[in-house]
Amino acid sequence: MTRAGVRAALGGRWDDLGALSAAWRIRVCMPAFPETITAEHEFRDRVLIRAARRFRQYVVVDPDLPPWKPVHEVLPADRGARVLYLIDDAESAVRSWMVAAYRETPDVSWMSSAPRLGACLRTAAANGEITLDAPIWVVLSSALQHTWDPQALLADLWDVLPADSRVSVTHVAPQHPATTPDSGRSPVEAAFTSCLPSPLVLRPASDVLDMFTDPHAWDLIRCSGVEIHAPPCIAASRSTTDTAAELITVIARRPPRTRPRPSASTVDHARNPGHDPDA
């Protein structure tokens, strides 16, 4: 059982009984969780369709299995975009699916995400999969939400991404900071982590935004949240702590490397940015 398998089961895939069992446990703790994944992909798709006006290369970290659509099938076919998937070595089903389905697909490639993202991107550039001379759009949602150390992921990207590159994230935050006494985690986090070696870490919006201001100051060109509710037909269990969740969306720009670090007032302003038509 893997993270991608459980996320696929939450989306309606039925071929992995272990993943289905884990998905059921997660639904009990947070009935709205499957809807947040659906909303996450809908947001991602809208962002990518707009991004295709300007961006020609994309990196997807920890891609999902079907029924979720891969990024290269969302992007307009006539834009000539290249998509590189960075796959967790533990996700053998994702790699097998990509090899079987997209071996002959032009401008689609994949490689291991180990040991660190920055090293992966440099290797991919040396192999001609991407170029570090033009902006890159990085889809980071799953990787950021399913790691204990998101700052390390962002720091790796900061060190290698060209100026004007983007990182797009959707992140689930609980509506209430309910935690279990023994672990300090919410019941849905504990259920996910007990099923898998990969954690689920739900963070409030303030924590997500702090990742993009410290230790490196990204330009926050979009950040917003929307409440996601479970369908009315799903009755809340006695053990349910959250019937709704907040889906936080962030698009951050890699600024020029020579730009000075902003003052505290500039960071505060960035927490409520205006809409960027070229996001």
Protein backbone atom coordinates (compact mmCIF):
# COMPACT_ATOMS: atom_id res chain seq x y z
CA MET A 1 0.00 0.00 0.00
CA THR A 2 1.30 3.46 -0.92
CA ARG A 3 0.22 7.09 -0.76
CA ALA A 4 -0.69 7.13 -4.45
CA GLY A 5 -2.73 3.94 -4.04
CA VAL A 6 -4.74 5.34 -1.15
CA ARG A 7 -5.35 8.64 -2.95
CA ALA A 8 -6.54 6.65 -5.98
CA ALA A 9 -8.89 4.61 -3.77
CA LEU A 10 -10.30 7.84 -2.32
CA GLY A 11 -10.98 8.87 -5.93
CA GLY A 12 -12.90 5.67 -6.70
CA ARG A 13 -10.29 3.15 -7.83
CA TRP A 14 -11.20 -0.37 -6.64
CA ASP A 15 -8.31 -2.67 -7.58
CA ASP A 16 -6.33 -2.50 -4.31
CA LEU A 17 -8.17 -3.93 -1.29
CA GLY A 18 -5.56 -2.64 1.17
CA ALA A 19 -5.85 0.89 -0.22
CA LEU A 20 -9.65 0.68 -0.09
CA SER A 21 -9.51 -0.30 3.57
CA ALA A 22 -7.21 2.62 4.33
CA ALA A 23 -9.46 4.98 2.35
CA TRP A 24 -12.46 3.83 4.42
CA ARG A 25 -10.61 4.59 7.66
CA ILE A 26 -9.70 8.05 6.38
CA ARG A 27 -13.31 8.75 5.36
CA VAL A 28 -14.46 7.87 8.88
CA CYS A 29 -12.09 10.46 10.34
CA MET A 30 -12.73 13.14 7.71
CA PRO A 31 -15.70 12.50 5.40
CA ALA A 32 -14.76 15.50 3.24
CA PHE A 33 -11.26 14.23 2.47
CA PRO A 34 -12.11 12.61 -0.91
CA GLU A 35 -13.79 15.84 -1.98
CA THR A 36 -10.66 17.81 -1.13
CA ILE A 37 -8.62 15.60 -3.49
CA THR A 38 -11.17 16.16 -6.25
CA ALA A 39 -11.02 19.92 -5.63
CA GLU A 40 -7.22 19.78 -5.55
CA HIS A 41 -7.10 18.32 -9.07
CA GLU A 42 -9.75 20.69 -10.39
CA PHE A 43 -7.71 23.64 -9.12
CA ARG A 44 -4.50 22.16 -10.53
CA ASP A 45 -6.09 21.71 -13.96
CA ARG A 46 -7.41 25.27 -14.12
CA VAL A 47 -4.03 26.66 -13.11
CA LEU A 48 -2.14 24.55 -15.66
CA ILE A 49 -4.41 25.50 -18.55
CA ARG A 50 -3.69 29.16 -17.80
CA ALA A 51 0.00 28.49 -17.22
CA ALA A 52 0.27 26.94 -20.69
CA ARG A 53 0.02 30.45 -22.19
CA ARG A 54 3.58 31.15 -21.03
CA PHE A 55 5.25 28.05 -19.65
CA ARG A 56 6.71 25.25 -21.75
CA GLN A 57 8.26 22.99 -19.10
CA TYR A 58 6.72 21.38 -16.04
CA VAL A 59 7.96 19.22 -13.20
CA VAL A 60 5.46 17.11 -11.25
CA VAL A 61 6.61 15.75 -7.88
CA ASP A 62 4.90 12.56 -6.64
CA PRO A 63 2.25 12.21 -9.38
CA ASP A 64 -1.05 10.47 -8.63
CA LEU A 65 -2.39 7.26 -10.12
CA PRO A 66 -5.63 7.14 -12.15
CA PRO A 67 -8.45 7.98 -11.86
CA TRP A 68 -6.60 11.29 -11.51
CA LYS A 69 -5.45 12.69 -14.84
CA PRO A 70 -1.69 13.23 -15.36
CA VAL A 71 -0.48 16.77 -15.96
CA HIS A 72 0.60 16.25 -19.57
CA GLU A 73 -2.96 15.23 -20.50
CA VAL A 74 -4.32 18.44 -18.98
CA LEU A 75 -2.00 20.79 -20.85
CA PRO A 76 -3.13 21.84 -24.35
CA ALA A 77 -1.58 19.46 -26.87
CA ASP A 78 -0.58 22.24 -29.26
CA ARG A 79 1.62 24.12 -26.75
CA GLY A 80 4.68 21.90 -27.09
CA ALA A 81 5.15 21.54 -23.34
CA ARG A 82 7.63 19.12 -21.76
CA VAL A 83 6.61 17.35 -18.54
CA LEU A 84 9.03 15.61 -16.19
CA TYR A 85 7.56 13.41 -13.44
CA LEU A 86 9.65 12.86 -10.30
CA ILE A 87 8.47 9.58 -8.76
CA ASP A 88 9.03 8.30 -5.24
CA ASP A 89 10.94 5.02 -5.43
CA ALA A 90 8.30 3.45 -3.16
CA GLU A 91 5.59 4.14 -5.77
CA SER A 92 6.31 1.21 -8.09
CA ALA A 93 2.71 1.19 -9.36
CA VAL A 94 3.06 4.79 -10.53
CA ARG A 95 6.29 4.03 -12.37
CA SER A 96 4.87 0.86 -13.97
CA TRP A 97 1.78 2.72 -15.13
CA MET A 98 3.82 5.54 -16.65
CA VAL A 99 6.17 3.13 -18.43
CA ALA A 100 3.25 1.11 -19.85
CA ALA A 101 1.09 4.06 -20.84
CA TYR A 102 3.50 6.79 -21.92
CA ARG A 103 6.71 5.11 -23.10
CA GLU A 104 6.18 6.47 -26.63
CA THR A 105 4.64 9.81 -25.64
CA PRO A 106 6.76 12.74 -26.89
CA ASP A 107 7.97 15.29 -24.34
CA VAL A 108 7.01 13.14 -21.33
CA SER A 109 9.71 11.68 -19.10
CA TRP A 110 10.17 10.46 -15.54
CA MET A 111 12.89 9.71 -13.06
CA SER A 112 13.34 8.94 -9.37
CA SER A 113 12.85 11.83 -6.97
CA ALA A 114 15.73 10.55 -4.82
CA PRO A 115 17.90 11.77 -3.27
CA ARG A 116 16.76 15.43 -3.39
CA LEU A 117 14.77 17.54 -5.81
CA GLY A 118 17.58 19.96 -6.63
CA ALA A 119 19.95 17.14 -7.60
CA CYS A 120 17.18 15.55 -9.69
CA LEU A 121 16.58 18.75 -11.63
CA ARG A 122 20.28 19.23 -12.30
CA THR A 123 20.52 15.64 -13.56
CA ALA A 124 17.44 16.11 -15.73
CA ALA A 125 18.95 19.28 -17.19
CA ALA A 126 22.23 17.48 -17.93
CA ASN A 127 20.23 14.74 -19.69
CA GLY A 128 18.28 17.26 -21.77
CA GLU A 129 14.92 16.54 -20.11
CA ILE A 130 14.55 20.17 -19.00
CA THR A 131 16.56 23.35 -19.28
CA LEU A 132 17.52 25.58 -16.37
CA ASP A 133 17.73 28.56 -18.72
CA ALA A 134 13.94 29.05 -18.82
CA PRO A 135 11.22 29.18 -16.13
CA ILE A 136 9.79 25.88 -14.88
CA TRP A 137 6.37 25.23 -13.36
CA VAL A 138 6.58 22.77 -10.44
CA VAL A 139 3.42 20.96 -9.25
CA LEU A 140 4.22 20.13 -5.64
CA SER A 141 0.88 19.46 -3.94
CA SER A 142 1.17 15.82 -2.90
CA ALA A 143 4.84 16.03 -2.00
CA LEU A 144 4.37 19.03 0.27
CA GLN A 145 1.40 17.61 2.14
CA HIS A 146 2.91 14.16 2.64
CA THR A 147 6.26 15.09 4.16
CA TRP A 148 7.53 16.03 7.60
CA ASP A 149 10.04 18.50 6.14
CA PRO A 150 8.45 20.71 3.48
CA GLN A 151 11.06 23.42 4.00
CA ALA A 152 13.74 21.04 2.69
CA LEU A 153 11.72 20.44 -0.51
CA LEU A 154 11.27 24.16 -1.11
CA ALA A 155 14.90 24.93 -0.28
CA ASP A 156 16.04 22.38 -2.88
CA LEU A 157 13.85 24.04 -5.48
CA TRP A 158 15.00 27.53 -4.46
CA ASP A 159 18.60 26.54 -5.04
CA VAL A 160 18.09 25.34 -8.63
CA LEU A 161 14.96 26.87 -10.21
CA PRO A 162 15.46 29.70 -12.71
CA ALA A 163 14.00 33.11 -11.89
CA ASP A 164 10.26 33.49 -12.66
CA SER A 165 9.64 29.76 -12.12
CA ARG A 166 6.45 28.85 -10.25
CA VAL A 167 5.57 26.37 -7.53
CA SER A 168 1.88 25.49 -7.25
CA VAL A 169 0.45 23.82 -4.15
CA THR A 170 -2.89 22.71 -2.83
CA HIS A 171 -2.90 21.66 0.80
CA VAL A 172 -5.63 20.33 3.08
CA ALA A 173 -5.99 21.95 6.48
CA PRO A 174 -8.39 20.74 9.18
CA GLN A 175 -11.21 23.04 10.11
CA HIS A 176 -10.50 22.47 13.79
CA PRO A 177 -7.11 21.82 15.41
CA ALA A 178 -8.33 18.59 17.03
CA THR A 179 -5.43 16.35 17.97
CA THR A 180 -5.01 13.01 19.65
CA PRO A 181 -3.34 13.23 23.08
CA ASP A 182 -0.68 10.64 22.33
CA SER A 183 0.62 11.91 18.98
CA GLY A 184 -0.44 15.54 18.71
CA ARG A 185 -1.91 14.75 15.28
CA SER A 186 -5.51 14.83 14.17
CA PRO A 187 -7.31 11.47 13.85
CA VAL A 188 -7.18 11.56 10.03
CA GLU A 189 -3.42 12.16 10.11
CA ALA A 190 -2.95 9.32 12.58
CA ALA A 191 -5.11 6.99 10.45
CA PHE A 192 -3.17 7.80 7.29
CA THR A 193 0.21 7.42 8.93
CA SER A 194 -0.72 4.13 10.62
CA CYS A 195 -1.62 2.67 7.21
CA LEU A 196 1.41 3.90 5.30
CA PRO A 197 5.08 4.74 5.65
CA SER A 198 4.24 8.12 4.07
CA PRO A 199 2.74 10.64 6.50
CA LEU A 200 -0.18 12.98 6.01
CA VAL A 201 0.53 16.34 7.63
CA LEU A 202 -2.36 18.81 7.76
CA ARG A 203 -1.15 22.35 8.38
CA PRO A 204 -3.13 25.58 8.83
CA ALA A 205 -2.86 28.30 6.21
CA SER A 206 -0.44 30.33 8.30
CA ASP A 207 2.01 27.42 8.44
CA VAL A 208 1.76 26.83 4.70
CA LEU A 209 2.45 30.48 3.95
CA ASP A 210 5.36 30.54 6.38
CA MET A 211 7.07 27.86 4.28
CA PHE A 212 7.29 30.39 1.45
CA THR A 213 8.66 33.25 3.57
CA ASP A 214 11.23 31.54 5.78
CA PRO A 215 14.05 30.81 5.18
CA HIS A 216 13.55 31.92 1.53
CA ALA A 217 11.19 34.69 0.45
CA TRP A 218 9.15 33.52 -2.54
CA ASP A 219 6.76 35.92 -4.27
CA LEU A 220 3.27 34.78 -3.26
CA ILE A 221 1.20 35.62 -6.29
CA ARG A 222 -1.86 33.66 -5.25
CA CYS A 223 -3.02 32.25 -1.93
CA SER A 224 -6.57 31.44 -0.98
CA GLY A 225 -8.67 28.93 0.88
CA VAL A 226 -12.03 27.29 0.33
CA GLU A 227 -14.09 25.12 2.64
CA ILE A 228 -14.80 21.62 1.33
CA HIS A 229 -17.78 19.72 2.78
CA ALA A 230 -18.54 16.02 2.73
CA PRO A 231 -21.51 15.00 0.57
CA PRO A 232 -24.83 15.07 2.48
CA CYS A 233 -25.25 11.31 1.99
CA ILE A 234 -22.21 10.57 4.18
CA ALA A 235 -23.32 10.45 7.80
CA ALA A 236 -20.82 11.62 10.39
CA SER A 237 -19.43 8.81 12.52
CA ARG A 238 -19.12 9.09 16.28
CA SER A 239 -15.36 9.19 15.78
CA THR A 240 -15.48 11.91 13.15
CA THR A 241 -13.76 15.13 14.18
CA ASP A 242 -14.06 17.10 10.94
CA THR A 243 -16.95 16.98 8.48
CA ALA A 244 -15.32 19.76 6.48
CA ALA A 245 -11.80 20.81 5.56
CA GLU A 246 -10.12 23.86 4.12
CA LEU A 247 -8.27 23.53 0.83
CA ILE A 248 -5.42 26.05 0.73
CA THR A 249 -4.08 27.02 -2.68
CA VAL A 250 -0.74 28.75 -3.25
CA ILE A 251 1.19 29.82 -6.34
CA ALA A 252 4.67 31.13 -5.58
CA ARG A 253 7.19 32.70 -7.94
CA ARG A 254 10.94 32.19 -7.70
CA PRO A 255 12.29 35.77 -7.65
CA PRO A 256 15.59 36.84 -9.21
CA ARG A 257 18.57 35.61 -7.23
CA THR A 258 19.93 39.12 -6.78
CA ARG A 259 16.76 40.50 -5.19
CA PRO A 260 17.24 41.59 -1.56
CA ARG A 261 15.25 39.85 1.14
CA PRO A 262 11.96 41.74 1.77
CA SER A 263 11.16 43.53 4.99
CA ALA A 264 8.58 42.18 7.44
CA SER A 265 5.97 44.61 6.12
CA THR A 266 6.49 43.31 2.58
CA VAL A 267 6.00 39.73 3.78
CA ASP A 268 2.77 40.72 5.55
CA HIS A 269 1.51 42.30 2.34
CA ALA A 270 2.34 39.13 0.41
CA ARG A 271 -0.01 37.12 2.60
CA ASN A 272 -2.93 38.80 0.84
CA PRO A 273 -1.71 39.20 -2.74
CA GLY A 274 -3.72 40.44 -5.65
CA HIS A 275 -4.63 38.29 -8.64
CA ASP A 276 -1.87 37.76 -11.15
CA PRO A 277 -3.31 37.34 -14.67
CA ASP A 278 -0.18 35.47 -15.76
CA ALA A 279 -0.12 33.10 -12.78
